Amino acid sequence: MSILLKASFVYFGVEDETLLIGFADDEYETNEYVLFQKSLYIEDIPILNKVHITLNSETRSEYGGILKITLSQKLISIYLSKETARSLGVDGSINIEYDIDEERYNALISYFNKLNVDQEIEITYVPYL
């Protein structure tokens, strides 16, 4: 069984040489969130070059193990390996409902493409309707 997060706040950008993509229930009083992070530089420790995913807390996070992402204008589905799903406390996938305009959606796709450089994540995009 997957979990569903309803995100009213979507963030993407670069901070401290790290690419960030985040979905949260609230911008300021956040209770539930999913955060993707990836260093823009090659790290000496190979695992640190994988995408880091966090669900609601640093205690529920993992490097790597993101198998597939399906992105549309209202929903993102994230499919995880068994190990990563276990670390995040889910059964295999995370679904996030969100709402952004076409310009931000296209920018979000661009950030996911940057996130996936040197990774093996299968990413599928549905055109904005």
C-alpha atoms as a PDB file:
ATOM      1  CA  MET A   1       0.000   0.000   0.000  1.00  0.00           C
ATOM      2  CA  SER A   2       1.319   3.420  -0.910  1.00  0.00           C
ATOM      3  CA  ILE A   3       0.944   6.576   1.117  1.00  0.00           C
ATOM      4  CA  LEU A   4      -0.647   9.797  -0.102  1.00  0.00           C
ATOM      5  CA  LEU A   5       0.630  13.262   0.730  1.00  0.00           C
ATOM      6  CA  LYS A   6      -1.390  16.339  -0.206  1.00  0.00           C
ATOM      7  CA  ALA A   7       1.129  19.091  -0.843  1.00  0.00           C
ATOM      8  CA  SER A   8       0.080  22.727  -0.857  1.00  0.00           C
ATOM      9  CA  PHE A   9       3.733  23.825  -1.172  1.00  0.00           C
ATOM     10  CA  VAL A  10       6.201  22.768  -3.893  1.00  0.00           C
ATOM     11  CA  TYR A  11       9.833  23.921  -3.846  1.00  0.00           C
ATOM     12  CA  PHE A  12      12.723  23.368  -6.230  1.00  0.00           C
ATOM     13  CA  GLY A  13      16.068  25.107  -6.336  1.00  0.00           C
ATOM     14  CA  VAL A  14      19.752  24.946  -5.452  1.00  0.00           C
ATOM     15  CA  GLU A  15      21.112  25.701  -1.989  1.00  0.00           C
ATOM     16  CA  ASP A  16      24.664  25.155  -0.740  1.00  0.00           C
ATOM     17  CA  GLU A  17      25.660  23.313  -3.943  1.00  0.00           C
ATOM     18  CA  THR A  18      22.756  20.875  -3.452  1.00  0.00           C
ATOM     19  CA  LEU A  19      19.802  20.458  -5.779  1.00  0.00           C
ATOM     20  CA  LEU A  20      16.535  20.339  -3.814  1.00  0.00           C
ATOM     21  CA  ILE A  21      12.986  19.340  -4.761  1.00  0.00           C
ATOM     22  CA  GLY A  22      10.404  19.344  -1.997  1.00  0.00           C
ATOM     23  CA  PHE A  23       6.691  18.783  -1.536  1.00  0.00           C
ATOM     24  CA  ALA A  24       5.059  19.766   1.768  1.00  0.00           C
ATOM     25  CA  ASP A  25       1.632  20.037   3.328  1.00  0.00           C
ATOM     26  CA  ASP A  26       2.420  23.630   4.362  1.00  0.00           C
ATOM     27  CA  GLU A  27       5.220  26.080   3.599  1.00  0.00           C
ATOM     28  CA  TYR A  28       5.769  27.241   7.188  1.00  0.00           C
ATOM     29  CA  GLU A  29       4.077  24.772   9.550  1.00  0.00           C
ATOM     30  CA  THR A  30       5.207  21.597   7.834  1.00  0.00           C
ATOM     31  CA  ASN A  31       4.074  18.248   9.215  1.00  0.00           C
ATOM     32  CA  GLU A  32       4.306  16.017   6.154  1.00  0.00           C
ATOM     33  CA  TYR A  33       6.858  16.358   3.375  1.00  0.00           C
ATOM     34  CA  VAL A  34       8.990  14.577   0.809  1.00  0.00           C
ATOM     35  CA  LEU A  35      12.394  16.059   0.043  1.00  0.00           C
ATOM     36  CA  PHE A  36      14.803  15.028  -2.724  1.00  0.00           C
ATOM     37  CA  GLN A  37      18.434  16.158  -2.439  1.00  0.00           C
ATOM     38  CA  LYS A  38      21.470  15.631  -4.649  1.00  0.00           C
ATOM     39  CA  SER A  39      24.910  17.180  -4.459  1.00  0.00           C
ATOM     40  CA  LEU A  40      25.989  19.043  -7.581  1.00  0.00           C
ATOM     41  CA  TYR A  41      29.552  17.804  -7.041  1.00  0.00           C
ATOM     42  CA  ILE A  42      30.937  14.299  -7.169  1.00  0.00           C
ATOM     43  CA  GLU A  43      31.491  13.042  -3.652  1.00  0.00           C
ATOM     44  CA  ASP A  44      34.352  10.723  -2.626  1.00  0.00           C
ATOM     45  CA  ILE A  45      31.924   8.263  -1.023  1.00  0.00           C
ATOM     46  CA  PRO A  46      29.864   6.728  -3.878  1.00  0.00           C
ATOM     47  CA  ILE A  47      26.576   6.390  -1.963  1.00  0.00           C
ATOM     48  CA  LEU A  48      26.581  10.166  -1.393  1.00  0.00           C
ATOM     49  CA  ASN A  49      26.266  10.623  -5.172  1.00  0.00           C
ATOM     50  CA  LYS A  50      22.831   8.995  -5.104  1.00  0.00           C
ATOM     51  CA  VAL A  51      19.624  10.968  -4.689  1.00  0.00           C
ATOM     52  CA  HIS A  52      18.732  11.344  -1.002  1.00  0.00           C
ATOM     53  CA  ILE A  53      15.019  11.080  -0.218  1.00  0.00           C
ATOM     54  CA  THR A  54      13.404  12.055   3.085  1.00  0.00           C
ATOM     55  CA  LEU A  55       9.834  11.420   4.211  1.00  0.00           C
ATOM     56  CA  ASN A  56       8.685  13.617   7.125  1.00  0.00           C
ATOM     57  CA  SER A  57      11.896  13.191   9.179  1.00  0.00           C
ATOM     58  CA  GLU A  58      15.627  12.538   8.792  1.00  0.00           C
ATOM     59  CA  THR A  59      15.001   9.242  10.589  1.00  0.00           C
ATOM     60  CA  ARG A  60      12.940   8.223   7.539  1.00  0.00           C
ATOM     61  CA  SER A  61      15.474   8.832   4.778  1.00  0.00           C
ATOM     62  CA  GLU A  62      17.791   6.961   2.434  1.00  0.00           C
ATOM     63  CA  TYR A  63      20.368   7.443  -0.318  1.00  0.00           C
ATOM     64  CA  GLY A  64      19.356   5.749  -3.565  1.00  0.00           C
ATOM     65  CA  GLY A  65      16.630   3.194  -4.071  1.00  0.00           C
ATOM     66  CA  ILE A  66      14.336   5.406  -6.137  1.00  0.00           C
ATOM     67  CA  LEU A  67      13.354   3.146  -9.010  1.00  0.00           C
ATOM     68  CA  LYS A  68      10.768   5.160 -10.914  1.00  0.00           C
ATOM     69  CA  ILE A  69       9.022   8.530 -10.809  1.00  0.00           C
ATOM     70  CA  THR A  70       5.851   9.347 -12.712  1.00  0.00           C
ATOM     71  CA  LEU A  71       5.092  13.043 -12.849  1.00  0.00           C
ATOM     72  CA  SER A  72       1.926  14.788 -14.004  1.00  0.00           C
ATOM     73  CA  GLN A  73       0.558  18.268 -13.339  1.00  0.00           C
ATOM     74  CA  LYS A  74      -1.424  17.133 -10.281  1.00  0.00           C
ATOM     75  CA  LEU A  75       0.275  13.939  -9.066  1.00  0.00           C
ATOM     76  CA  ILE A  76       3.743  12.497  -8.601  1.00  0.00           C
ATOM     77  CA  SER A  77       4.231   8.789  -7.889  1.00  0.00           C
ATOM     78  CA  ILE A  78       7.566   7.620  -6.487  1.00  0.00           C
ATOM     79  CA  TYR A  79       8.377   3.891  -6.639  1.00  0.00           C
ATOM     80  CA  LEU A  80      11.036   2.645  -4.242  1.00  0.00           C
ATOM     81  CA  SER A  81      13.246  -0.398  -3.772  1.00  0.00           C
ATOM     82  CA  LYS A  82      12.338  -2.674  -0.847  1.00  0.00           C
ATOM     83  CA  GLU A  83      15.278  -1.365   1.193  1.00  0.00           C
ATOM     84  CA  THR A  84      14.430   2.296   0.663  1.00  0.00           C
ATOM     85  CA  ALA A  85      10.718   1.675   1.256  1.00  0.00           C
ATOM     86  CA  ARG A  86      11.620   0.002   4.550  1.00  0.00           C
ATOM     87  CA  SER A  87      13.861   2.940   5.575  1.00  0.00           C
ATOM     88  CA  LEU A  88      11.054   5.386   4.803  1.00  0.00           C
ATOM     89  CA  GLY A  89       8.418   3.234   6.514  1.00  0.00           C
ATOM     90  CA  VAL A  90       6.241   2.718   3.413  1.00  0.00           C
ATOM     91  CA  ASP A  91       5.156  -0.311   1.412  1.00  0.00           C
ATOM     92  CA  GLY A  92       6.790   0.572  -1.881  1.00  0.00           C
ATOM     93  CA  SER A  93       5.539   3.875  -3.207  1.00  0.00           C
ATOM     94  CA  ILE A  94       4.621   7.432  -2.297  1.00  0.00           C
ATOM     95  CA  ASN A  95       1.959   9.465  -4.100  1.00  0.00           C
ATOM     96  CA  ILE A  96       1.842  13.232  -3.797  1.00  0.00           C
ATOM     97  CA  GLU A  97      -1.052  15.390  -4.938  1.00  0.00           C
ATOM     98  CA  TYR A  98      -0.117  18.991  -5.720  1.00  0.00           C
ATOM     99  CA  ASP A  99      -1.200  21.866  -7.962  1.00  0.00           C
ATOM    100  CA  ILE A 100       1.129  24.168  -9.920  1.00  0.00           C
ATOM    101  CA  ASP A 101       0.790  26.150 -13.131  1.00  0.00           C
ATOM    102  CA  GLU A 102       2.307  25.137 -16.460  1.00  0.00           C
ATOM    103  CA  GLU A 103       5.418  27.314 -16.116  1.00  0.00           C
ATOM    104  CA  ARG A 104       6.302  25.864 -12.697  1.00  0.00           C
ATOM    105  CA  TYR A 105       5.458  22.336 -13.906  1.00  0.00           C
ATOM    106  CA  ASN A 106       7.935  22.681 -16.783  1.00  0.00           C
ATOM    107  CA  ALA A 107      10.543  24.030 -14.354  1.00  0.00           C
ATOM    108  CA  LEU A 108       9.851  21.085 -12.015  1.00  0.00           C
ATOM    109  CA  ILE A 109      10.472  18.674 -14.907  1.00  0.00           C
ATOM    110  CA  SER A 110      13.768  20.458 -15.582  1.00  0.00           C
ATOM    111  CA  TYR A 111      14.810  20.002 -11.945  1.00  0.00           C
ATOM    112  CA  PHE A 112      13.905  16.310 -12.006  1.00  0.00           C
ATOM    113  CA  ASN A 113      16.057  15.948 -15.144  1.00  0.00           C
ATOM    114  CA  LYS A 114      18.960  17.593 -13.282  1.00  0.00           C
ATOM    115  CA  LEU A 115      18.315  15.351 -10.282  1.00  0.00           C
ATOM    116  CA  ASN A 116      18.529  12.293 -12.526  1.00  0.00           C
ATOM    117  CA  VAL A 117      21.933  13.091 -14.067  1.00  0.00           C
ATOM    118  CA  ASP A 118      24.203  10.061 -13.444  1.00  0.00           C
ATOM    119  CA  GLN A 119      21.299   8.212 -11.805  1.00  0.00           C
ATOM    120  CA  GLU A 120      19.251   5.244 -13.003  1.00  0.00           C
ATOM    121  CA  ILE A 121      15.795   6.498 -12.097  1.00  0.00           C
ATOM    122  CA  GLU A 122      13.119   5.867 -14.708  1.00  0.00           C
ATOM    123  CA  ILE A 123      11.238   9.148 -14.983  1.00  0.00           C
ATOM    124  CA  THR A 124       8.000   9.538 -16.945  1.00  0.00           C
ATOM    125  CA  TYR A 125       6.396  12.925 -17.572  1.00  0.00           C
ATOM    126  CA  VAL A 126       2.807  13.538 -18.588  1.00  0.00           C
ATOM    127  CA  PRO A 127       2.408  16.739 -20.663  1.00  0.00           C
ATOM    128  CA  TYR A 128       0.620  19.620 -18.984  1.00  0.00           C
ATOM    129  CA  LEU A 129      -3.046  19.701 -20.029  1.00  0.00           C
END
